[in-house]
Amino acid sequence: MQLCEVKRILSATVLSGADRLEEEVSSGCGSDFLSDVLAYVHDQNLLLTGMVNPQVIRTAEMTDIKCVVFVRGKHPGDEIVQMAQERGIVVMTSPERMYTACGLLYSNGLRGN
């Protein structure tokens, strides 16, 4: 699934990496616990989270996540967006709740591992 499809499906706004929306993601996960992301996420390209702090971007970088979608209408601060830009990570925000966002992406073909 291309990131532009993720944007459309989740009614998301792109905050970082708008030039990378043609990139493909093959799997995703949703978590507000970054320790779980570090422990259990492998070969996942997309992270859905409601956590809005710089650790999210650091975690995404460490786990090779291409895109972070902040759910529940959460908006990261400028520092987080800047960090993502520097690391080549796409950042979006979606009004959808975590459960709904995961379900929408799953029903449109994006799987978790």
PDB file of N, CA and C in Angstrom:
ATOM      1  N   MET A   1       0.848  -1.172   0.000  1.00  0.00           N
ATOM      2  CA  MET A   1       0.000   0.000   0.000  1.00  0.00           C
ATOM      3  C   MET A   1       0.896   1.239   0.000  1.00  0.00           C
ATOM      4  N   GLN A   2       0.573   2.184  -0.842  1.00  0.00           N
ATOM      5  CA  GLN A   2       1.342   3.427  -0.871  1.00  0.00           C
ATOM      6  C   GLN A   2       0.907   4.340   0.276  1.00  0.00           C
ATOM      7  N   LEU A   3       1.841   5.166   0.721  1.00  0.00           N
ATOM      8  CA  LEU A   3       1.533   6.091   1.810  1.00  0.00           C
ATOM      9  C   LEU A   3       0.428   7.072   1.434  1.00  0.00           C
ATOM     10  N   CYS A   4       0.295   7.400   0.154  1.00  0.00           N
ATOM     11  CA  CYS A   4      -0.804   8.275  -0.262  1.00  0.00           C
ATOM     12  C   CYS A   4      -2.153   7.596  -0.023  1.00  0.00           C
ATOM     13  N   GLU A   5      -2.196   6.257  -0.104  1.00  0.00           N
ATOM     14  CA  GLU A   5      -3.424   5.524   0.197  1.00  0.00           C
ATOM     15  C   GLU A   5      -3.709   5.548   1.695  1.00  0.00           C
ATOM     16  N   VAL A   6      -2.667   5.414   2.501  1.00  0.00           N
ATOM     17  CA  VAL A   6      -2.821   5.518   3.955  1.00  0.00           C
ATOM     18  C   VAL A   6      -3.420   6.876   4.294  1.00  0.00           C
ATOM     19  N   LYS A   7      -2.891   7.913   3.696  1.00  0.00           N
ATOM     20  CA  LYS A   7      -3.387   9.278   3.912  1.00  0.00           C
ATOM     21  C   LYS A   7      -4.872   9.374   3.586  1.00  0.00           C
ATOM     22  N   ARG A   8      -5.260   8.833   2.447  1.00  0.00           N
ATOM     23  CA  ARG A   8      -6.662   8.893   2.013  1.00  0.00           C
ATOM     24  C   ARG A   8      -7.567   8.087   2.945  1.00  0.00           C
ATOM     25  N   ILE A   9      -7.173   6.857   3.236  1.00  0.00           N
ATOM     26  CA  ILE A   9      -7.989   5.961   4.059  1.00  0.00           C
ATOM     27  C   ILE A   9      -8.217   6.535   5.450  1.00  0.00           C
ATOM     28  N   LEU A  10      -7.199   7.158   6.018  1.00  0.00           N
ATOM     29  CA  LEU A  10      -7.289   7.681   7.387  1.00  0.00           C
ATOM     30  C   LEU A  10      -7.678   9.153   7.450  1.00  0.00           C
ATOM     31  N   SER A  11      -7.991   9.745   6.295  1.00  0.00           N
ATOM     32  CA  SER A  11      -8.302  11.189   6.253  1.00  0.00           C
ATOM     33  C   SER A  11      -7.211  11.974   6.974  1.00  0.00           C
ATOM     34  N   ALA A  12      -5.982  11.619   6.684  1.00  0.00           N
ATOM     35  CA  ALA A  12      -4.834  12.171   7.406  1.00  0.00           C
ATOM     36  C   ALA A  12      -4.288  13.429   6.750  1.00  0.00           C
ATOM     37  N   THR A  13      -3.583  14.190   7.547  1.00  0.00           N
ATOM     38  CA  THR A  13      -2.849  15.365   7.096  1.00  0.00           C
ATOM     39  C   THR A  13      -1.363  15.043   7.200  1.00  0.00           C
ATOM     40  N   VAL A  14      -0.618  15.327   6.153  1.00  0.00           N
ATOM     41  CA  VAL A  14       0.823  15.054   6.148  1.00  0.00           C
ATOM     42  C   VAL A  14       1.561  16.243   6.749  1.00  0.00           C
ATOM     43  N   LEU A  15       2.403  15.974   7.737  1.00  0.00           N
ATOM     44  CA  LEU A  15       3.179  17.021   8.403  1.00  0.00           C
ATOM     45  C   LEU A  15       4.651  16.987   8.021  1.00  0.00           C
ATOM     46  N   SER A  16       5.104  15.841   7.541  1.00  0.00           N
ATOM     47  CA  SER A  16       6.504  15.664   7.157  1.00  0.00           C
ATOM     48  C   SER A  16       6.578  14.591   6.081  1.00  0.00           C
ATOM     49  N   GLY A  17       7.411  14.816   5.070  1.00  0.00           N
ATOM     50  CA  GLY A  17       7.646  13.799   4.055  1.00  0.00           C
ATOM     51  C   GLY A  17       6.611  13.725   2.957  1.00  0.00           C
ATOM     52  N   ALA A  18       5.973  14.837   2.642  1.00  0.00           N
ATOM     53  CA  ALA A  18       4.947  14.838   1.591  1.00  0.00           C
ATOM     54  C   ALA A  18       5.497  14.373   0.249  1.00  0.00           C
ATOM     55  N   ASP A  19       6.790  14.506   0.053  1.00  0.00           N
ATOM     56  CA  ASP A  19       7.418  14.079  -1.198  1.00  0.00           C
ATOM     57  C   ASP A  19       7.657  12.569  -1.251  1.00  0.00           C
ATOM     58  N   ARG A  20       7.304  11.854  -0.190  1.00  0.00           N
ATOM     59  CA  ARG A  20       7.556  10.411  -0.122  1.00  0.00           C
ATOM     60  C   ARG A  20       6.274   9.582  -0.109  1.00  0.00           C
ATOM     61  N   LEU A  21       5.155  10.179  -0.480  1.00  0.00           N
ATOM     62  CA  LEU A  21       3.869   9.485  -0.382  1.00  0.00           C
ATOM     63  C   LEU A  21       3.687   8.361  -1.390  1.00  0.00           C
ATOM     64  N   GLU A  22       4.560   8.259  -2.373  1.00  0.00           N
ATOM     65  CA  GLU A  22       4.471   7.156  -3.337  1.00  0.00           C
ATOM     66  C   GLU A  22       5.181   5.906  -2.818  1.00  0.00           C
ATOM     67  N   GLU A  23       5.857   6.012  -1.682  1.00  0.00           N
ATOM     68  CA  GLU A  23       6.550   4.850  -1.115  1.00  0.00           C
ATOM     69  C   GLU A  23       5.542   3.815  -0.634  1.00  0.00           C
ATOM     70  N   GLU A  24       5.957   2.560  -0.712  1.00  0.00           N
ATOM     71  CA  GLU A  24       5.119   1.433  -0.310  1.00  0.00           C
ATOM     72  C   GLU A  24       5.374   1.054   1.145  1.00  0.00           C
ATOM     73  N   VAL A  25       4.305   0.679   1.831  1.00  0.00           N
ATOM     74  CA  VAL A  25       4.413   0.043   3.139  1.00  0.00           C
ATOM     75  C   VAL A  25       3.705  -1.302   3.029  1.00  0.00           C
ATOM     76  N   SER A  26       4.266  -2.308   3.667  1.00  0.00           N
ATOM     77  CA  SER A  26       3.704  -3.652   3.550  1.00  0.00           C
ATOM     78  C   SER A  26       3.065  -4.147   4.837  1.00  0.00           C
ATOM     79  N   SER A  27       3.317  -3.457   5.945  1.00  0.00           N
ATOM     80  CA  SER A  27       2.742  -3.873   7.217  1.00  0.00           C
ATOM     81  C   SER A  27       2.725  -2.698   8.178  1.00  0.00           C
ATOM     82  N   GLY A  28       1.950  -2.854   9.240  1.00  0.00           N
ATOM     83  CA  GLY A  28       1.851  -1.780  10.212  1.00  0.00           C
ATOM     84  C   GLY A  28       1.513  -2.308  11.589  1.00  0.00           C
ATOM     85  N   CYS A  29       1.571  -1.409  12.566  1.00  0.00           N
ATOM     86  CA  CYS A  29       1.218  -1.757  13.934  1.00  0.00           C
ATOM     87  C   CYS A  29       0.673  -0.517  14.624  1.00  0.00           C
ATOM     88  N   GLY A  30      -0.027  -0.743  15.713  1.00  0.00           N
ATOM     89  CA  GLY A  30      -0.545   0.357  16.511  1.00  0.00           C
ATOM     90  C   GLY A  30      -0.178   0.153  17.965  1.00  0.00           C
ATOM     91  N   SER A  31       0.415   1.161  18.592  1.00  0.00           N
ATOM     92  CA  SER A  31       0.789   1.041  19.998  1.00  0.00           C
ATOM     93  C   SER A  31       1.075   2.413  20.591  1.00  0.00           C
ATOM     94  N   ASP A  32       0.700   2.559  21.857  1.00  0.00           N
ATOM     95  CA  ASP A  32       1.081   3.742  22.620  1.00  0.00           C
ATOM     96  C   ASP A  32       2.244   3.428  23.562  1.00  0.00           C
ATOM     97  N   PHE A  33       2.672   2.179  23.570  1.00  0.00           N
ATOM     98  CA  PHE A  33       3.785   1.763  24.422  1.00  0.00           C
ATOM     99  C   PHE A  33       5.025   1.571  23.558  1.00  0.00           C
ATOM    100  N   LEU A  34       5.935   2.512  23.634  1.00  0.00           N
ATOM    101  CA  LEU A  34       7.125   2.448  22.793  1.00  0.00           C
ATOM    102  C   LEU A  34       8.012   1.263  23.151  1.00  0.00           C
ATOM    103  N   SER A  35       7.957   0.815  24.398  1.00  0.00           N
ATOM    104  CA  SER A  35       8.724  -0.378  24.773  1.00  0.00           C
ATOM    105  C   SER A  35       8.198  -1.597  24.025  1.00  0.00           C
ATOM    106  N   ASP A  36       6.881  -1.674  23.801  1.00  0.00           N
ATOM    107  CA  ASP A  36       6.319  -2.772  23.008  1.00  0.00           C
ATOM    108  C   ASP A  36       6.764  -2.677  21.555  1.00  0.00           C
ATOM    109  N   VAL A  37       6.817  -1.470  21.031  1.00  0.00           N
ATOM    110  CA  VAL A  37       7.274  -1.285  19.652  1.00  0.00           C
ATOM    111  C   VAL A  37       8.707  -1.793  19.525  1.00  0.00           C
ATOM    112  N   LEU A  38       9.556  -1.425  20.470  1.00  0.00           N
ATOM    113  CA  LEU A  38      10.953  -1.872  20.432  1.00  0.00           C
ATOM    114  C   LEU A  38      11.074  -3.386  20.591  1.00  0.00           C
ATOM    115  N   ALA A  39      10.228  -3.970  21.437  1.00  0.00           N
ATOM    116  CA  ALA A  39      10.337  -5.399  21.726  1.00  0.00           C
ATOM    117  C   ALA A  39       9.704  -6.284  20.661  1.00  0.00           C
ATOM    118  N   TYR A  40       8.598  -5.835  20.075  1.00  0.00           N
ATOM    119  CA  TYR A  40       7.813  -6.739  19.235  1.00  0.00           C
ATOM    120  C   TYR A  40       7.709  -6.356  17.772  1.00  0.00           C
ATOM    121  N   VAL A  41       8.059  -5.144  17.421  1.00  0.00           N
ATOM    122  CA  VAL A  41       7.876  -4.699  16.039  1.00  0.00           C
ATOM    123  C   VAL A  41       9.111  -5.048  15.221  1.00  0.00           C
ATOM    124  N   HIS A  42       8.888  -5.856  14.206  1.00  0.00           N
ATOM    125  CA  HIS A  42       9.955  -6.242  13.286  1.00  0.00           C
ATOM    126  C   HIS A  42       9.372  -6.226  11.881  1.00  0.00           C
ATOM    127  N   ASP A  43      10.082  -5.639  10.960  1.00  0.00           N
ATOM    128  CA  ASP A  43       9.645  -5.593   9.559  1.00  0.00           C
ATOM    129  C   ASP A  43       8.283  -4.928   9.398  1.00  0.00           C
ATOM    130  N   GLN A  44       8.030  -3.894  10.167  1.00  0.00           N
ATOM    131  CA  GLN A  44       6.787  -3.142  10.032  1.00  0.00           C
ATOM    132  C   GLN A  44       7.159  -1.747   9.546  1.00  0.00           C
ATOM    133  N   ASN A  45       6.401  -1.243   8.616  1.00  0.00           N
ATOM    134  CA  ASN A  45       6.750   0.022   7.980  1.00  0.00           C
ATOM    135  C   ASN A  45       5.969   1.215   8.497  1.00  0.00           C
ATOM    136  N   LEU A  46       4.891   0.963   9.240  1.00  0.00           N
ATOM    137  CA  LEU A  46       3.975   2.022   9.640  1.00  0.00           C
ATOM    138  C   LEU A  46       3.644   1.872  11.117  1.00  0.00           C
ATOM    139  N   LEU A  47       3.675   2.979  11.843  1.00  0.00           N
ATOM    140  CA  LEU A  47       3.309   2.975  13.257  1.00  0.00           C
ATOM    141  C   LEU A  47       2.157   3.937  13.473  1.00  0.00           C
ATOM    142  N   LEU A  48       1.092   3.437  14.093  1.00  0.00           N
ATOM    143  CA  LEU A  48      -0.020   4.270  14.537  1.00  0.00           C
ATOM    144  C   LEU A  48       0.131   4.451  16.038  1.00  0.00           C
ATOM    145  N   THR A  49       0.077   5.685  16.517  1.00  0.00           N
ATOM    146  CA  THR A  49       0.255   5.936  17.942  1.00  0.00           C
ATOM    147  C   THR A  49      -0.446   7.219  18.365  1.00  0.00           C
ATOM    148  N   GLY A  50      -0.757   7.285  19.637  1.00  0.00           N
ATOM    149  CA  GLY A  50      -1.292   8.500  20.222  1.00  0.00           C
ATOM    150  C   GLY A  50      -0.257   9.207  21.082  1.00  0.00           C
ATOM    151  N   MET A  51       0.918   8.603  21.200  1.00  0.00           N
ATOM    152  CA  MET A  51       2.013   9.206  21.968  1.00  0.00           C
ATOM    153  C   MET A  51       2.626  10.340  21.161  1.00  0.00           C
ATOM    154  N   VAL A  52       2.694  11.506  21.770  1.00  0.00           N
ATOM    155  CA  VAL A  52       3.246  12.667  21.065  1.00  0.00           C
ATOM    156  C   VAL A  52       4.461  13.167  21.842  1.00  0.00           C
ATOM    157  N   ASN A  53       5.601  12.536  21.570  1.00  0.00           N
ATOM    158  CA  ASN A  53       6.856  12.996  22.152  1.00  0.00           C
ATOM    159  C   ASN A  53       8.005  12.571  21.243  1.00  0.00           C
ATOM    160  N   PRO A  54       9.175  13.183  21.419  1.00  0.00           N
ATOM    161  CA  PRO A  54      10.306  12.891  20.527  1.00  0.00           C
ATOM    162  C   PRO A  54      10.727  11.425  20.512  1.00  0.00           C
ATOM    163  N   GLN A  55      10.442  10.693  21.584  1.00  0.00           N
ATOM    164  CA  GLN A  55      10.824   9.282  21.632  1.00  0.00           C
ATOM    165  C   GLN A  55      10.153   8.472  20.526  1.00  0.00           C
ATOM    166  N   VAL A  56       8.999   8.906  20.073  1.00  0.00           N
ATOM    167  CA  VAL A  56       8.300   8.195  18.998  1.00  0.00           C
ATOM    168  C   VAL A  56       9.168   8.180  17.742  1.00  0.00           C
ATOM    169  N   ILE A  57       9.741   9.318  17.407  1.00  0.00           N
ATOM    170  CA  ILE A  57      10.571   9.410  16.205  1.00  0.00           C
ATOM    171  C   ILE A  57      11.866   8.630  16.399  1.00  0.00           C
ATOM    172  N   ARG A  58      12.446   8.704  17.586  1.00  0.00           N
ATOM    173  CA  ARG A  58      13.668   7.931  17.850  1.00  0.00           C
ATOM    174  C   ARG A  58      13.391   6.429  17.732  1.00  0.00           C
ATOM    175  N   THR A  59      12.248   6.005  18.263  1.00  0.00           N
ATOM    176  CA  THR A  59      11.859   4.597  18.176  1.00  0.00           C
ATOM    177  C   THR A  59      11.623   4.188  16.730  1.00  0.00           C
ATOM    178  N   ALA A  60      10.950   5.040  15.974  1.00  0.00           N
ATOM    179  CA  ALA A  60      10.707   4.752  14.556  1.00  0.00           C
ATOM    180  C   ALA A  60      12.024   4.597  13.810  1.00  0.00           C
ATOM    181  N   GLU A  61      12.967   5.463  14.104  1.00  0.00           N
ATOM    182  CA  GLU A  61      14.271   5.381  13.440  1.00  0.00           C
ATOM    183  C   GLU A  61      14.986   4.073  13.789  1.00  0.00           C
ATOM    184  N   MET A  62      14.943   3.684  15.049  1.00  0.00           N
ATOM    185  CA  MET A  62      15.629   2.468  15.491  1.00  0.00           C
ATOM    186  C   MET A  62      15.015   1.204  14.901  1.00  0.00           C
ATOM    187  N   THR A  63      13.732   1.247  14.580  1.00  0.00           N
ATOM    188  CA  THR A  63      13.033   0.059  14.081  1.00  0.00           C
ATOM    189  C   THR A  63      12.746   0.137  12.586  1.00  0.00           C
ATOM    190  N   ASP A  64      13.338   1.105  11.909  1.00  0.00           N
ATOM    191  CA  ASP A  64      13.185   1.264  10.450  1.00  0.00           C
ATOM    192  C   ASP A  64      11.739   1.475  10.011  1.00  0.00           C
ATOM    193  N   ILE A  65      10.972   2.173  10.826  1.00  0.00           N
ATOM    194  CA  ILE A  65       9.599   2.523  10.462  1.00  0.00           C
ATOM    195  C   ILE A  65       9.646   3.724   9.527  1.00  0.00           C
ATOM    196  N   LYS A  66       8.941   3.631   8.399  1.00  0.00           N
ATOM    197  CA  LYS A  66       8.946   4.691   7.384  1.00  0.00           C
ATOM    198  C   LYS A  66       7.980   5.823   7.699  1.00  0.00           C
ATOM    199  N   CYS A  67       6.884   5.485   8.398  1.00  0.00           N
ATOM    200  CA  CYS A  67       5.810   6.462   8.586  1.00  0.00           C
ATOM    201  C   CYS A  67       5.204   6.323   9.970  1.00  0.00           C
ATOM    202  N   VAL A  68       4.989   7.450  10.628  1.00  0.00           N
ATOM    203  CA  VAL A  68       4.292   7.501  11.910  1.00  0.00           C
ATOM    204  C   VAL A  68       3.005   8.281  11.698  1.00  0.00           C
ATOM    205  N   VAL A  69       1.886   7.668  12.097  1.00  0.00           N
ATOM    206  CA  VAL A  69       0.592   8.344  12.034  1.00  0.00           C
ATOM    207  C   VAL A  69       0.122   8.570  13.463  1.00  0.00           C
ATOM    208  N   PHE A  70      -0.028   9.831  13.835  1.00  0.00           N
ATOM    209  CA  PHE A  70      -0.564  10.170  15.149  1.00  0.00           C
ATOM    210  C   PHE A  70      -2.084  10.148  15.050  1.00  0.00           C
ATOM    211  N   VAL A  71      -2.716   9.320  15.870  1.00  0.00           N
ATOM    212  CA  VAL A  71      -4.165   9.143  15.818  1.00  0.00           C
ATOM    213  C   VAL A  71      -4.869  10.050  16.824  1.00  0.00           C
ATOM    214  N   ARG A  72      -6.190   9.995  16.813  1.00  0.00           N
ATOM    215  CA  ARG A  72      -7.043  10.778  17.719  1.00  0.00           C
ATOM    216  C   ARG A  72      -6.839  12.280  17.553  1.00  0.00           C
ATOM    217  N   GLY A  73      -6.423  12.689  16.352  1.00  0.00           N
ATOM    218  CA  GLY A  73      -6.246  14.113  16.086  1.00  0.00           C
ATOM    219  C   GLY A  73      -5.071  14.741  16.805  1.00  0.00           C
ATOM    220  N   LYS A  74      -4.172  13.920  17.328  1.00  0.00           N
ATOM    221  CA  LYS A  74      -2.998  14.450  18.030  1.00  0.00           C
ATOM    222  C   LYS A  74      -2.062  15.118  17.032  1.00  0.00           C
ATOM    223  N   HIS A  75      -1.518  16.251  17.427  1.00  0.00           N
ATOM    224  CA  HIS A  75      -0.588  16.997  16.577  1.00  0.00           C
ATOM    225  C   HIS A  75       0.757  17.110  17.285  1.00  0.00           C
ATOM    226  N   PRO A  76       1.809  16.542  16.686  1.00  0.00           N
ATOM    227  CA  PRO A  76       3.134  16.663  17.295  1.00  0.00           C
ATOM    228  C   PRO A  76       3.647  18.090  17.177  1.00  0.00           C
ATOM    229  N   GLY A  77       4.505  18.461  18.098  1.00  0.00           N
ATOM    230  CA  GLY A  77       5.109  19.790  18.055  1.00  0.00           C
ATOM    231  C   GLY A  77       6.136  19.909  16.946  1.00  0.00           C
ATOM    232  N   ASP A  78       6.585  21.126  16.739  1.00  0.00           N
ATOM    233  CA  ASP A  78       7.565  21.407  15.684  1.00  0.00           C
ATOM    234  C   ASP A  78       8.853  20.602  15.851  1.00  0.00           C
ATOM    235  N   GLU A  79       9.277  20.390  17.094  1.00  0.00           N
ATOM    236  CA  GLU A  79      10.504  19.627  17.347  1.00  0.00           C
ATOM    237  C   GLU A  79      10.381  18.206  16.795  1.00  0.00           C
ATOM    238  N   ILE A  80       9.239  17.590  17.006  1.00  0.00           N
ATOM    239  CA  ILE A  80       9.016  16.218  16.540  1.00  0.00           C
ATOM    240  C   ILE A  80       8.978  16.170  15.022  1.00  0.00           C
ATOM    241  N   VAL A  81       8.285  17.108  14.419  1.00  0.00           N
ATOM    242  CA  VAL A  81       8.204  17.157  12.957  1.00  0.00           C
ATOM    243  C   VAL A  81       9.590  17.380  12.361  1.00  0.00           C
ATOM    244  N   GLN A  82      10.369  18.263  12.963  1.00  0.00           N
ATOM    245  CA  GLN A  82      11.731  18.528  12.488  1.00  0.00           C
ATOM    246  C   GLN A  82      12.608  17.283  12.599  1.00  0.00           C
ATOM    247  N   MET A  83      12.504  16.583  13.723  1.00  0.00           N
ATOM    248  CA  MET A  83      13.267  15.343  13.903  1.00  0.00           C
ATOM    249  C   MET A  83      12.925  14.337  12.811  1.00  0.00           C
ATOM    250  N   ALA A  84      11.650  14.213  12.517  1.00  0.00           N
ATOM    251  CA  ALA A  84      11.200  13.269  11.485  1.00  0.00           C
ATOM    252  C   ALA A  84      11.750  13.664  10.120  1.00  0.00           C
ATOM    253  N   GLN A  85      11.707  14.949   9.811  1.00  0.00           N
ATOM    254  CA  GLN A  85      12.233  15.418   8.525  1.00  0.00           C
ATOM    255  C   GLN A  85      13.713  15.095   8.394  1.00  0.00           C
ATOM    256  N   GLU A  86      14.461  15.323   9.451  1.00  0.00           N
ATOM    257  CA  GLU A  86      15.904  15.059   9.438  1.00  0.00           C
ATOM    258  C   GLU A  86      16.214  13.578   9.253  1.00  0.00           C
ATOM    259  N   ARG A  87      15.294  12.722   9.686  1.00  0.00           N
ATOM    260  CA  ARG A  87      15.514  11.277   9.627  1.00  0.00           C
ATOM    261  C   ARG A  87      14.785  10.610   8.461  1.00  0.00           C
ATOM    262  N   GLY A  88      14.096  11.402   7.660  1.00  0.00           N
ATOM    263  CA  GLY A  88      13.399  10.856   6.496  1.00  0.00           C
ATOM    264  C   GLY A  88      12.168  10.042   6.836  1.00  0.00           C
ATOM    265  N   ILE A  89      11.519  10.368   7.948  1.00  0.00           N
ATOM    266  CA  ILE A  89      10.325   9.650   8.382  1.00  0.00           C
ATOM    267  C   ILE A  89       9.095  10.484   8.048  1.00  0.00           C
ATOM    268  N   VAL A  90       8.139   9.860   7.390  1.00  0.00           N
ATOM    269  CA  VAL A  90       6.883  10.535   7.059  1.00  0.00           C
ATOM    270  C   VAL A  90       6.043  10.625   8.329  1.00  0.00           C
ATOM    271  N   VAL A  91       5.442  11.785   8.569  1.00  0.00           N
ATOM    272  CA  VAL A  91       4.578  11.985   9.729  1.00  0.00           C
ATOM    273  C   VAL A  91       3.221  12.472   9.252  1.00  0.00           C
ATOM    274  N   MET A  92       2.176  11.820   9.766  1.00  0.00           N
ATOM    275  CA  MET A  92       0.802  12.221   9.473  1.00  0.00           C
ATOM    276  C   MET A  92       0.027  12.309  10.777  1.00  0.00           C
ATOM    277  N   THR A  93      -1.090  13.018  10.729  1.00  0.00           N
ATOM    278  CA  THR A  93      -2.021  13.031  11.842  1.00  0.00           C
ATOM    279  C   THR A  93      -3.397  12.691  11.296  1.00  0.00           C
ATOM    280  N   SER A  94      -4.130  11.874  12.052  1.00  0.00           N
ATOM    281  CA  SER A  94      -5.451  11.420  11.620  1.00  0.00           C
ATOM    282  C   SER A  94      -6.467  11.652  12.736  1.00  0.00           C
ATOM    283  N   PRO A  95      -7.693  12.009  12.370  1.00  0.00           N
ATOM    284  CA  PRO A  95      -8.725  12.178  13.387  1.00  0.00           C
ATOM    285  C   PRO A  95      -9.252  10.847  13.929  1.00  0.00           C
ATOM    286  N   GLU A  96      -8.918   9.748  13.265  1.00  0.00           N
ATOM    287  CA  GLU A  96      -9.439   8.435  13.665  1.00  0.00           C
ATOM    288  C   GLU A  96      -8.836   7.974  14.988  1.00  0.00           C
ATOM    289  N   ARG A  97      -9.610   7.193  15.726  1.00  0.00           N
ATOM    290  CA  ARG A  97      -9.092   6.551  16.932  1.00  0.00           C
ATOM    291  C   ARG A  97      -8.203   5.381  16.520  1.00  0.00           C
ATOM    292  N   MET A  98      -7.351   4.950  17.414  1.00  0.00           N
ATOM    293  CA  MET A  98      -6.395   3.883  17.102  1.00  0.00           C
ATOM    294  C   MET A  98      -7.089   2.632  16.562  1.00  0.00           C
ATOM    295  N   TYR A  99      -8.100   2.154  17.262  1.00  0.00           N
ATOM    296  CA  TYR A  99      -8.777   0.918  16.869  1.00  0.00           C
ATOM    297  C   TYR A  99      -9.378   1.050  15.476  1.00  0.00           C
ATOM    298  N   THR A 100     -10.033   2.164  15.231  1.00  0.00           N
ATOM    299  CA  THR A 100     -10.648   2.403  13.929  1.00  0.00           C
ATOM    300  C   THR A 100      -9.593   2.509  12.840  1.00  0.00           C
ATOM    301  N   ALA A 101      -8.528   3.235  13.101  1.00  0.00           N
ATOM    302  CA  ALA A 101      -7.461   3.404  12.110  1.00  0.00           C
ATOM    303  C   ALA A 101      -6.837   2.058  11.749  1.00  0.00           C
ATOM    304  N   CYS A 102      -6.563   1.232  12.745  1.00  0.00           N
ATOM    305  CA  CYS A 102      -6.009  -0.100  12.476  1.00  0.00           C
ATOM    306  C   CYS A 102      -6.981  -0.916  11.636  1.00  0.00           C
ATOM    307  N   GLY A 103      -8.265  -0.878  11.987  1.00  0.00           N
ATOM    308  CA  GLY A 103      -9.271  -1.628  11.243  1.00  0.00           C
ATOM    309  C   GLY A 103      -9.412  -1.157   9.809  1.00  0.00           C
ATOM    310  N   LEU A 104      -9.393   0.149   9.605  1.00  0.00           N
ATOM    311  CA  LEU A 104      -9.496   0.689   8.247  1.00  0.00           C
ATOM    312  C   LEU A 104      -8.323   0.240   7.383  1.00  0.00           C
ATOM    313  N   LEU A 105      -7.130   0.323   7.923  1.00  0.00           N
ATOM    314  CA  LEU A 105      -5.955  -0.091   7.150  1.00  0.00           C
ATOM    315  C   LEU A 105      -5.967  -1.597   6.896  1.00  0.00           C
ATOM    316  N   TYR A 106      -6.348  -2.373   7.898  1.00  0.00           N
ATOM    317  CA  TYR A 106      -6.406  -3.825   7.737  1.00  0.00           C
ATOM    318  C   TYR A 106      -7.438  -4.212   6.680  1.00  0.00           C
ATOM    319  N   SER A 107      -8.601  -3.594   6.735  1.00  0.00           N
ATOM    320  CA  SER A 107      -9.661  -3.938   5.775  1.00  0.00           C
ATOM    321  C   SER A 107      -9.323  -3.500   4.358  1.00  0.00           C
ATOM    322  N   ASN A 108      -8.344  -2.621   4.233  1.00  0.00           N
ATOM    323  CA  ASN A 108      -7.888  -2.189   2.907  1.00  0.00           C
ATOM    324  C   ASN A 108      -6.612  -2.905   2.470  1.00  0.00           C
ATOM    325  N   GLY A 109      -6.218  -3.940   3.215  1.00  0.00           N
ATOM    326  CA  GLY A 109      -5.124  -4.795   2.773  1.00  0.00           C
ATOM    327  C   GLY A 109      -3.796  -4.668   3.485  1.00  0.00           C
ATOM    328  N   LEU A 110      -3.654  -3.727   4.411  1.00  0.00           N
ATOM    329  CA  LEU A 110      -2.381  -3.596   5.132  1.00  0.00           C
ATOM    330  C   LEU A 110      -2.394  -4.545   6.321  1.00  0.00           C
ATOM    331  N   ARG A 111      -1.416  -5.383   6.420  1.00  0.00           N
ATOM    332  CA  ARG A 111      -1.358  -6.394   7.469  1.00  0.00           C
ATOM    333  C   ARG A 111      -0.284  -6.072   8.495  1.00  0.00           C
ATOM    334  N   GLY A 112      -0.404  -6.714   9.645  1.00  0.00           N
ATOM    335  CA  GLY A 112       0.638  -6.680  10.660  1.00  0.00           C
ATOM    336  C   GLY A 112       1.406  -7.982  10.593  1.00  0.00           C
ATOM    337  N   ASN A 113       2.568  -8.012  11.173  1.00  0.00           N
ATOM    338  CA  ASN A 113       3.358  -9.257  11.168  1.00  0.00           C
ATOM    339  C   ASN A 113       3.366  -9.869  12.543  1.00  0.00           C
TER     340      ASN A 113
END
